[in-house]
Amino acid sequence: MPNNASLCEQFSRIIGGEPGFAGGKCVATINRNLIRATILGKRFSVTSSFSFESLNERTGRALCLGRAAFLQKEVNRFITAIRKEGIKVTSVRNEWLFERPRLIYINIEAVDRPLAFARKVRRALDAIRK
């Protein structure tokens, strides 16, 4: 698709992340630099990523996915907001032992137009800041 890079840039801009491609899919990565996280006392970067792939040129819909990191206190607000947007929550878990603060990762998925998905994700992310 010739304008895939442009679509990826728009997708990332709406979400508020850095655009990139991995394995043929568009990925927007958000760095949560304000979370000063450590594992076993060593600093590490907290990131969330949102992607789309398998774009159907006829319908404009794609498989849209997300893996987002949250502080425990943000989890319920995000889940409520993302579900209101019609996006499925497919897992809620922590990935690390001995991390501080405790981080919870949420996976989401939808088949949607990438820019519509990006706007829904942005609204849900904005809801945790209220």
N, C-alpha and C. Protein backbone atom coordinates (compact mmCIF):
# COMPACT_ATOMS: atom_id res chain seq x y z
N MET A 1 0.85 -1.19 0.00
CA MET A 1 0.00 0.00 0.00
C MET A 1 0.89 1.24 0.00
N PRO A 2 0.78 2.09 -1.00
CA PRO A 2 1.70 3.21 -1.14
C PRO A 2 1.60 4.24 -0.02
N ASN A 3 0.43 4.49 0.56
CA ASN A 3 0.31 5.52 1.58
C ASN A 3 0.27 4.93 2.99
N ASN A 4 0.78 3.71 3.15
CA ASN A 4 0.81 3.06 4.45
C ASN A 4 1.64 3.85 5.45
N ALA A 5 2.77 4.42 5.01
CA ALA A 5 3.62 5.20 5.91
C ALA A 5 2.88 6.45 6.37
N SER A 6 2.17 7.09 5.48
CA SER A 6 1.40 8.28 5.85
C SER A 6 0.29 7.92 6.82
N LEU A 7 -0.40 6.82 6.58
CA LEU A 7 -1.45 6.36 7.47
C LEU A 7 -0.87 6.04 8.85
N CYS A 8 0.30 5.42 8.87
CA CYS A 8 0.97 5.08 10.13
C CYS A 8 1.34 6.35 10.90
N GLU A 9 1.81 7.36 10.20
CA GLU A 9 2.15 8.62 10.85
C GLU A 9 0.92 9.29 11.45
N GLN A 10 -0.19 9.29 10.71
CA GLN A 10 -1.44 9.86 11.23
C GLN A 10 -1.93 9.09 12.45
N PHE A 11 -1.91 7.77 12.35
CA PHE A 11 -2.31 6.87 13.44
C PHE A 11 -1.50 7.19 14.70
N SER A 12 -0.20 7.28 14.55
CA SER A 12 0.70 7.55 15.69
C SER A 12 0.49 8.94 16.26
N ARG A 13 0.28 9.91 15.39
CA ARG A 13 0.07 11.29 15.84
C ARG A 13 -1.20 11.39 16.70
N ILE A 14 -2.27 10.74 16.26
CA ILE A 14 -3.53 10.76 17.02
C ILE A 14 -3.33 10.13 18.38
N ILE A 15 -2.66 8.99 18.43
CA ILE A 15 -2.44 8.28 19.69
C ILE A 15 -1.47 9.05 20.58
N GLY A 16 -0.54 9.77 19.97
CA GLY A 16 0.46 10.50 20.73
C GLY A 16 1.75 9.71 20.90
N GLY A 17 2.03 8.84 19.92
CA GLY A 17 3.22 8.00 19.99
C GLY A 17 4.16 8.22 18.84
N GLU A 18 5.26 7.50 18.87
CA GLU A 18 6.26 7.53 17.80
C GLU A 18 5.93 6.43 16.79
N PRO A 19 5.86 6.78 15.49
CA PRO A 19 5.53 5.77 14.48
C PRO A 19 6.71 4.87 14.16
N GLY A 20 6.39 3.67 13.73
CA GLY A 20 7.40 2.74 13.27
C GLY A 20 6.74 1.53 12.63
N PHE A 21 7.56 0.69 12.02
CA PHE A 21 7.06 -0.53 11.42
C PHE A 21 7.81 -1.71 12.02
N ALA A 22 7.08 -2.75 12.36
CA ALA A 22 7.68 -3.98 12.89
C ALA A 22 6.93 -5.16 12.29
N GLY A 23 7.63 -6.00 11.58
CA GLY A 23 6.99 -7.17 10.98
C GLY A 23 5.88 -6.82 10.01
N GLY A 24 6.01 -5.70 9.32
CA GLY A 24 5.01 -5.30 8.33
C GLY A 24 3.79 -4.60 8.91
N LYS A 25 3.79 -4.33 10.20
CA LYS A 25 2.65 -3.62 10.78
C LYS A 25 3.08 -2.27 11.31
N CYS A 26 2.15 -1.34 11.31
CA CYS A 26 2.38 -0.01 11.86
C CYS A 26 2.28 -0.09 13.38
N VAL A 27 3.28 0.48 14.06
CA VAL A 27 3.28 0.48 15.52
C VAL A 27 3.52 1.90 16.01
N ALA A 28 2.65 2.35 16.91
CA ALA A 28 2.83 3.64 17.60
C ALA A 28 3.25 3.33 19.03
N THR A 29 4.39 3.85 19.43
CA THR A 29 4.92 3.58 20.77
C THR A 29 4.88 4.84 21.62
N ILE A 30 4.33 4.69 22.80
CA ILE A 30 4.27 5.78 23.78
C ILE A 30 5.23 5.46 24.91
N ASN A 31 6.12 6.39 25.20
CA ASN A 31 7.01 6.25 26.35
C ASN A 31 6.37 6.98 27.52
N ARG A 32 6.24 6.27 28.63
CA ARG A 32 5.66 6.88 29.84
C ARG A 32 6.80 7.30 30.75
N ASN A 33 7.54 8.31 30.31
CA ASN A 33 8.73 8.76 31.02
C ASN A 33 8.46 9.30 32.42
N LEU A 34 7.22 9.72 32.68
CA LEU A 34 6.89 10.25 34.00
C LEU A 34 6.80 9.15 35.05
N ILE A 35 6.68 7.91 34.61
CA ILE A 35 6.69 6.79 35.55
C ILE A 35 8.15 6.39 35.73
N ARG A 36 8.66 6.59 36.91
CA ARG A 36 10.06 6.26 37.21
C ARG A 36 10.10 4.85 37.75
N ALA A 37 10.06 3.88 36.85
CA ALA A 37 9.95 2.47 37.22
C ALA A 37 11.32 1.82 37.35
N THR A 38 11.37 0.84 38.23
CA THR A 38 12.58 0.04 38.38
C THR A 38 12.20 -1.43 38.47
N ILE A 39 13.11 -2.27 38.04
CA ILE A 39 13.02 -3.72 38.25
C ILE A 39 14.31 -4.10 38.96
N LEU A 40 14.16 -4.77 40.09
CA LEU A 40 15.32 -5.15 40.92
C LEU A 40 16.22 -3.95 41.20
N GLY A 41 15.58 -2.79 41.37
CA GLY A 41 16.32 -1.58 41.69
C GLY A 41 16.94 -0.86 40.51
N LYS A 42 16.81 -1.40 39.30
CA LYS A 42 17.39 -0.77 38.10
C LYS A 42 16.30 -0.12 37.28
N ARG A 43 16.55 1.08 36.80
CA ARG A 43 15.59 1.85 36.01
C ARG A 43 15.30 1.15 34.70
N PHE A 44 14.03 1.19 34.28
CA PHE A 44 13.67 0.72 32.94
C PHE A 44 12.58 1.60 32.36
N SER A 45 12.46 1.60 31.04
CA SER A 45 11.49 2.44 30.35
C SER A 45 10.14 1.74 30.27
N VAL A 46 9.11 2.48 30.63
CA VAL A 46 7.74 1.97 30.55
C VAL A 46 7.16 2.44 29.22
N THR A 47 6.75 1.49 28.38
CA THR A 47 6.20 1.84 27.08
C THR A 47 4.87 1.14 26.86
N SER A 48 4.07 1.76 26.02
CA SER A 48 2.82 1.18 25.53
C SER A 48 2.90 1.20 24.02
N SER A 49 2.29 0.22 23.36
CA SER A 49 2.31 0.22 21.90
C SER A 49 0.94 -0.15 21.36
N PHE A 50 0.62 0.48 20.24
CA PHE A 50 -0.64 0.27 19.55
C PHE A 50 -0.31 0.06 18.08
N SER A 51 -1.02 -0.86 17.43
CA SER A 51 -0.65 -1.20 16.06
C SER A 51 -1.88 -1.53 15.22
N PHE A 52 -1.64 -1.54 13.92
CA PHE A 52 -2.65 -2.10 13.00
C PHE A 52 -1.93 -2.88 11.92
N GLU A 53 -2.63 -3.90 11.40
CA GLU A 53 -2.09 -4.75 10.34
C GLU A 53 -3.25 -5.36 9.57
N SER A 54 -2.92 -6.01 8.49
CA SER A 54 -3.92 -6.69 7.64
C SER A 54 -5.02 -5.73 7.20
N LEU A 55 -4.62 -4.57 6.73
CA LEU A 55 -5.57 -3.56 6.26
C LEU A 55 -6.30 -4.05 5.01
N ASN A 56 -7.62 -4.04 5.05
CA ASN A 56 -8.45 -4.40 3.92
C ASN A 56 -8.67 -3.14 3.09
N GLU A 57 -8.13 -3.11 1.90
CA GLU A 57 -8.21 -1.91 1.07
C GLU A 57 -9.64 -1.57 0.68
N ARG A 58 -10.49 -2.56 0.58
CA ARG A 58 -11.89 -2.33 0.20
C ARG A 58 -12.69 -1.70 1.33
N THR A 59 -12.56 -2.24 2.53
CA THR A 59 -13.36 -1.75 3.66
C THR A 59 -12.63 -0.69 4.49
N GLY A 60 -11.29 -0.64 4.38
CA GLY A 60 -10.51 0.29 5.17
C GLY A 60 -10.31 -0.16 6.61
N ARG A 61 -10.75 -1.39 6.90
CA ARG A 61 -10.63 -1.90 8.27
C ARG A 61 -9.40 -2.79 8.40
N ALA A 62 -8.86 -2.83 9.62
CA ALA A 62 -7.65 -3.60 9.88
C ALA A 62 -7.76 -4.23 11.26
N LEU A 63 -6.86 -5.16 11.53
CA LEU A 63 -6.73 -5.69 12.87
C LEU A 63 -5.95 -4.65 13.68
N CYS A 64 -6.57 -4.13 14.71
CA CYS A 64 -5.97 -3.08 15.54
C CYS A 64 -5.74 -3.64 16.94
N LEU A 65 -4.51 -3.49 17.43
CA LEU A 65 -4.12 -4.09 18.70
C LEU A 65 -3.44 -3.05 19.60
N GLY A 66 -3.43 -3.36 20.89
CA GLY A 66 -2.71 -2.50 21.82
C GLY A 66 -2.21 -3.29 23.00
N ARG A 67 -1.07 -2.87 23.53
CA ARG A 67 -0.49 -3.39 24.77
C ARG A 67 -0.03 -2.17 25.53
N ALA A 68 -0.77 -1.87 26.60
CA ALA A 68 -0.54 -0.61 27.31
C ALA A 68 -0.20 -0.85 28.77
N ALA A 69 0.73 -0.05 29.27
CA ALA A 69 1.19 -0.15 30.66
C ALA A 69 0.54 0.95 31.50
N PHE A 70 0.06 0.55 32.69
CA PHE A 70 -0.61 1.48 33.58
C PHE A 70 -0.17 1.28 35.01
N LEU A 71 -0.26 2.35 35.78
CA LEU A 71 -0.17 2.22 37.22
C LEU A 71 -1.46 1.57 37.70
N GLN A 72 -1.41 0.87 38.83
CA GLN A 72 -2.61 0.19 39.32
C GLN A 72 -3.81 1.13 39.42
N LYS A 73 -3.58 2.35 39.89
CA LYS A 73 -4.68 3.28 40.09
C LYS A 73 -5.33 3.74 38.78
N GLU A 74 -4.70 3.50 37.63
CA GLU A 74 -5.23 3.92 36.33
C GLU A 74 -6.04 2.83 35.63
N VAL A 75 -5.92 1.60 36.09
CA VAL A 75 -6.45 0.44 35.36
C VAL A 75 -7.97 0.49 35.19
N ASN A 76 -8.72 0.65 36.26
CA ASN A 76 -10.18 0.61 36.15
C ASN A 76 -10.72 1.72 35.27
N ARG A 77 -10.16 2.90 35.39
CA ARG A 77 -10.62 4.03 34.58
C ARG A 77 -10.37 3.75 33.09
N PHE A 78 -9.18 3.22 32.75
CA PHE A 78 -8.89 2.92 31.35
C PHE A 78 -9.80 1.82 30.82
N ILE A 79 -9.97 0.75 31.57
CA ILE A 79 -10.83 -0.36 31.11
C ILE A 79 -12.25 0.14 30.86
N THR A 80 -12.78 0.93 31.77
CA THR A 80 -14.13 1.47 31.58
C THR A 80 -14.20 2.32 30.33
N ALA A 81 -13.21 3.18 30.13
CA ALA A 81 -13.21 4.09 28.98
C ALA A 81 -13.04 3.33 27.66
N ILE A 82 -12.14 2.36 27.61
CA ILE A 82 -11.89 1.66 26.34
C ILE A 82 -13.07 0.78 25.97
N ARG A 83 -13.72 0.19 26.96
CA ARG A 83 -14.91 -0.63 26.68
C ARG A 83 -16.06 0.24 26.17
N LYS A 84 -16.18 1.46 26.69
CA LYS A 84 -17.21 2.40 26.20
C LYS A 84 -16.99 2.74 24.73
N GLU A 85 -15.73 2.65 24.30
CA GLU A 85 -15.39 2.93 22.90
C GLU A 85 -15.65 1.72 22.00
N GLY A 86 -16.07 0.60 22.58
CA GLY A 86 -16.37 -0.60 21.79
C GLY A 86 -15.15 -1.46 21.50
N ILE A 87 -14.07 -1.25 22.23
CA ILE A 87 -12.84 -2.02 22.02
C ILE A 87 -12.76 -3.11 23.08
N LYS A 88 -12.38 -4.31 22.65
CA LYS A 88 -12.30 -5.46 23.55
C LYS A 88 -11.03 -5.42 24.38
N VAL A 89 -11.19 -5.71 25.67
CA VAL A 89 -10.05 -5.91 26.56
C VAL A 89 -9.80 -7.42 26.56
N THR A 90 -8.60 -7.83 26.18
CA THR A 90 -8.33 -9.27 26.05
C THR A 90 -7.44 -9.83 27.15
N SER A 91 -6.74 -8.96 27.88
CA SER A 91 -5.99 -9.44 29.05
C SER A 91 -5.62 -8.27 29.94
N VAL A 92 -5.54 -8.58 31.22
CA VAL A 92 -5.09 -7.63 32.24
C VAL A 92 -4.13 -8.41 33.12
N ARG A 93 -2.89 -7.95 33.21
CA ARG A 93 -1.89 -8.72 33.96
C ARG A 93 -0.70 -7.86 34.32
N ASN A 94 0.10 -8.36 35.25
CA ASN A 94 1.40 -7.73 35.44
C ASN A 94 2.42 -8.65 34.77
N GLU A 95 3.48 -8.07 34.25
CA GLU A 95 4.48 -8.83 33.50
C GLU A 95 5.76 -9.06 34.28
N TRP A 96 5.99 -8.29 35.32
CA TRP A 96 7.28 -8.32 36.00
C TRP A 96 7.10 -8.65 37.47
N LEU A 97 8.11 -9.21 38.03
CA LEU A 97 8.21 -9.35 39.47
C LEU A 97 9.25 -8.33 39.93
N PHE A 98 9.07 -7.83 41.11
CA PHE A 98 10.04 -6.92 41.74
C PHE A 98 10.13 -5.56 41.05
N GLU A 99 9.07 -5.17 40.31
CA GLU A 99 9.08 -3.82 39.74
C GLU A 99 8.44 -2.86 40.74
N ARG A 100 8.88 -1.62 40.68
CA ARG A 100 8.33 -0.56 41.50
C ARG A 100 8.16 0.66 40.62
N PRO A 101 7.03 1.31 40.56
CA PRO A 101 5.78 0.90 41.17
C PRO A 101 5.20 -0.31 40.43
N ARG A 102 4.18 -0.90 41.00
CA ARG A 102 3.49 -2.04 40.36
C ARG A 102 2.87 -1.55 39.05
N LEU A 103 3.14 -2.27 37.97
CA LEU A 103 2.60 -1.93 36.65
C LEU A 103 1.64 -3.02 36.20
N ILE A 104 0.58 -2.61 35.57
CA ILE A 104 -0.40 -3.53 35.02
C ILE A 104 -0.45 -3.29 33.51
N TYR A 105 -0.42 -4.38 32.75
CA TYR A 105 -0.47 -4.30 31.29
C TYR A 105 -1.83 -4.77 30.81
N ILE A 106 -2.40 -4.01 29.89
CA ILE A 106 -3.72 -4.32 29.34
C ILE A 106 -3.57 -4.49 27.83
N ASN A 107 -4.08 -5.61 27.31
CA ASN A 107 -4.11 -5.83 25.86
C ASN A 107 -5.52 -5.55 25.37
N ILE A 108 -5.59 -4.91 24.21
CA ILE A 108 -6.88 -4.59 23.59
C ILE A 108 -6.85 -5.00 22.13
N GLU A 109 -8.06 -5.19 21.56
CA GLU A 109 -8.12 -5.53 20.13
C GLU A 109 -9.46 -5.12 19.53
N ALA A 110 -9.43 -4.84 18.24
CA ALA A 110 -10.63 -4.50 17.48
C ALA A 110 -10.32 -4.67 16.00
N VAL A 111 -11.35 -4.85 15.22
CA VAL A 111 -11.25 -4.74 13.77
C VAL A 111 -11.96 -3.44 13.44
N ASP A 112 -11.19 -2.48 12.95
CA ASP A 112 -11.72 -1.12 12.79
C ASP A 112 -10.86 -0.39 11.76
N ARG A 113 -11.31 0.78 11.37
CA ARG A 113 -10.48 1.66 10.55
C ARG A 113 -9.37 2.20 11.48
N PRO A 114 -8.12 2.14 11.06
CA PRO A 114 -7.02 2.51 11.95
C PRO A 114 -7.15 3.88 12.60
N LEU A 115 -7.57 4.89 11.85
CA LEU A 115 -7.66 6.23 12.44
C LEU A 115 -8.83 6.33 13.42
N ALA A 116 -9.91 5.60 13.16
CA ALA A 116 -11.02 5.57 14.12
C ALA A 116 -10.58 4.88 15.41
N PHE A 117 -9.84 3.77 15.28
CA PHE A 117 -9.29 3.08 16.45
C PHE A 117 -8.37 4.01 17.23
N ALA A 118 -7.51 4.72 16.54
CA ALA A 118 -6.57 5.64 17.19
C ALA A 118 -7.31 6.70 17.99
N ARG A 119 -8.39 7.27 17.43
CA ARG A 119 -9.15 8.29 18.14
C ARG A 119 -9.81 7.70 19.39
N LYS A 120 -10.31 6.47 19.29
CA LYS A 120 -10.93 5.81 20.45
C LYS A 120 -9.89 5.56 21.55
N VAL A 121 -8.72 5.09 21.17
CA VAL A 121 -7.64 4.87 22.13
C VAL A 121 -7.25 6.18 22.78
N ARG A 122 -7.11 7.24 21.99
CA ARG A 122 -6.72 8.54 22.55
C ARG A 122 -7.73 9.01 23.60
N ARG A 123 -9.04 8.86 23.29
CA ARG A 123 -10.06 9.27 24.26
C ARG A 123 -9.94 8.46 25.56
N ALA A 124 -9.69 7.15 25.43
CA ALA A 124 -9.56 6.30 26.62
C ALA A 124 -8.30 6.67 27.41
N LEU A 125 -7.21 6.95 26.73
CA LEU A 125 -5.99 7.37 27.42
C LEU A 125 -6.20 8.72 28.12
N ASP A 126 -6.92 9.61 27.48
CA ASP A 126 -7.21 10.91 28.10
C ASP A 126 -8.06 10.74 29.35
N ALA A 127 -8.90 9.72 29.40
CA ALA A 127 -9.78 9.50 30.55
C ALA A 127 -9.02 9.18 31.82
N ILE A 128 -7.82 8.63 31.71
CA ILE A 128 -7.07 8.30 32.94
C ILE A 128 -6.44 9.54 33.54
N ARG A 129 -6.41 10.64 32.82
CA ARG A 129 -5.81 11.87 33.32
C ARG A 129 -6.81 12.77 34.00
N LYS A 130 -8.08 12.39 34.00
CA LYS A 130 -9.13 13.23 34.59
C LYS A 130 -9.19 13.08 36.08
